[in-house]
Amino acid sequence: CVKKYRKQLECYAQLDPGFLTSMVPIQAQADAPHIVRKMCEAASKAGVGPMASVAGAISELVGKDLLKLSDVVVVDNGGDIFIKACVNRKVGIYAGQSPLSEKIAVEVTPEMTPLGICTSAGTIGHSLSLGEADAVIIMSRNTFLADAVATAAGNMVNIPDDIEKSLEFALSIEGITGALVIVGEKIGVRGEIRLVGL
């Protein structure tokens, strides 16, 4: 099913090349596939280009397809996760060279799922970020939105003093349930995030 969604994106991008390159929200064409329309909606809420939500989009759609076959699903698309759990789970946090990296986790309870947990980082990974955060983690029932907001919130962070404004921005968006930002040894957490040790 990953190929199906990738093909839809590739075909649409041939008709609307700006879909792949825009750094600001754009309007999906009227006949755009569901994945494209939802990516554009999420990007509009976050104030970023639609491709800022692509990893979360694939995670959620593949995860929902798999839910037809199983009650428990975890789809991790490079730190952009769709999860449906029946027992408590820990989602470990990798934050590059931060001393907090691989020391803490977000606890996810069954009642919180299905859930999107998406990560943006300016110091690690291949995705474009305009900030310097070691990790920005956003939680939402809408994985498209979690990914787009993680990008937008991450773009705001260059120094530890930026953590608070990034968290405030993320939680100001309807549908975001939790936000976490790590810069070096500094961490900020807002919303429905419970941290536990790994």
Foldseek 3Di string as FASTA:
>chain_A
DLVVVVVLVVVQCVVPVCLVPWQFADQRDPPRDPLSRLLSVLRNLQGTRSVLLVQLSSQVVVQVVCCVVDQWDWDQRPQWIFTADPAKDWAAAAQDPAPCGRWKTWIDGNVLPRKIKHWDADCDDDDDALEHFSIKIWMFNRSSNRSSLNRSLRNQHHDLVSQVVSQVSRVVRPGIAWIWTHHRHDIDIDGPTDMDTD
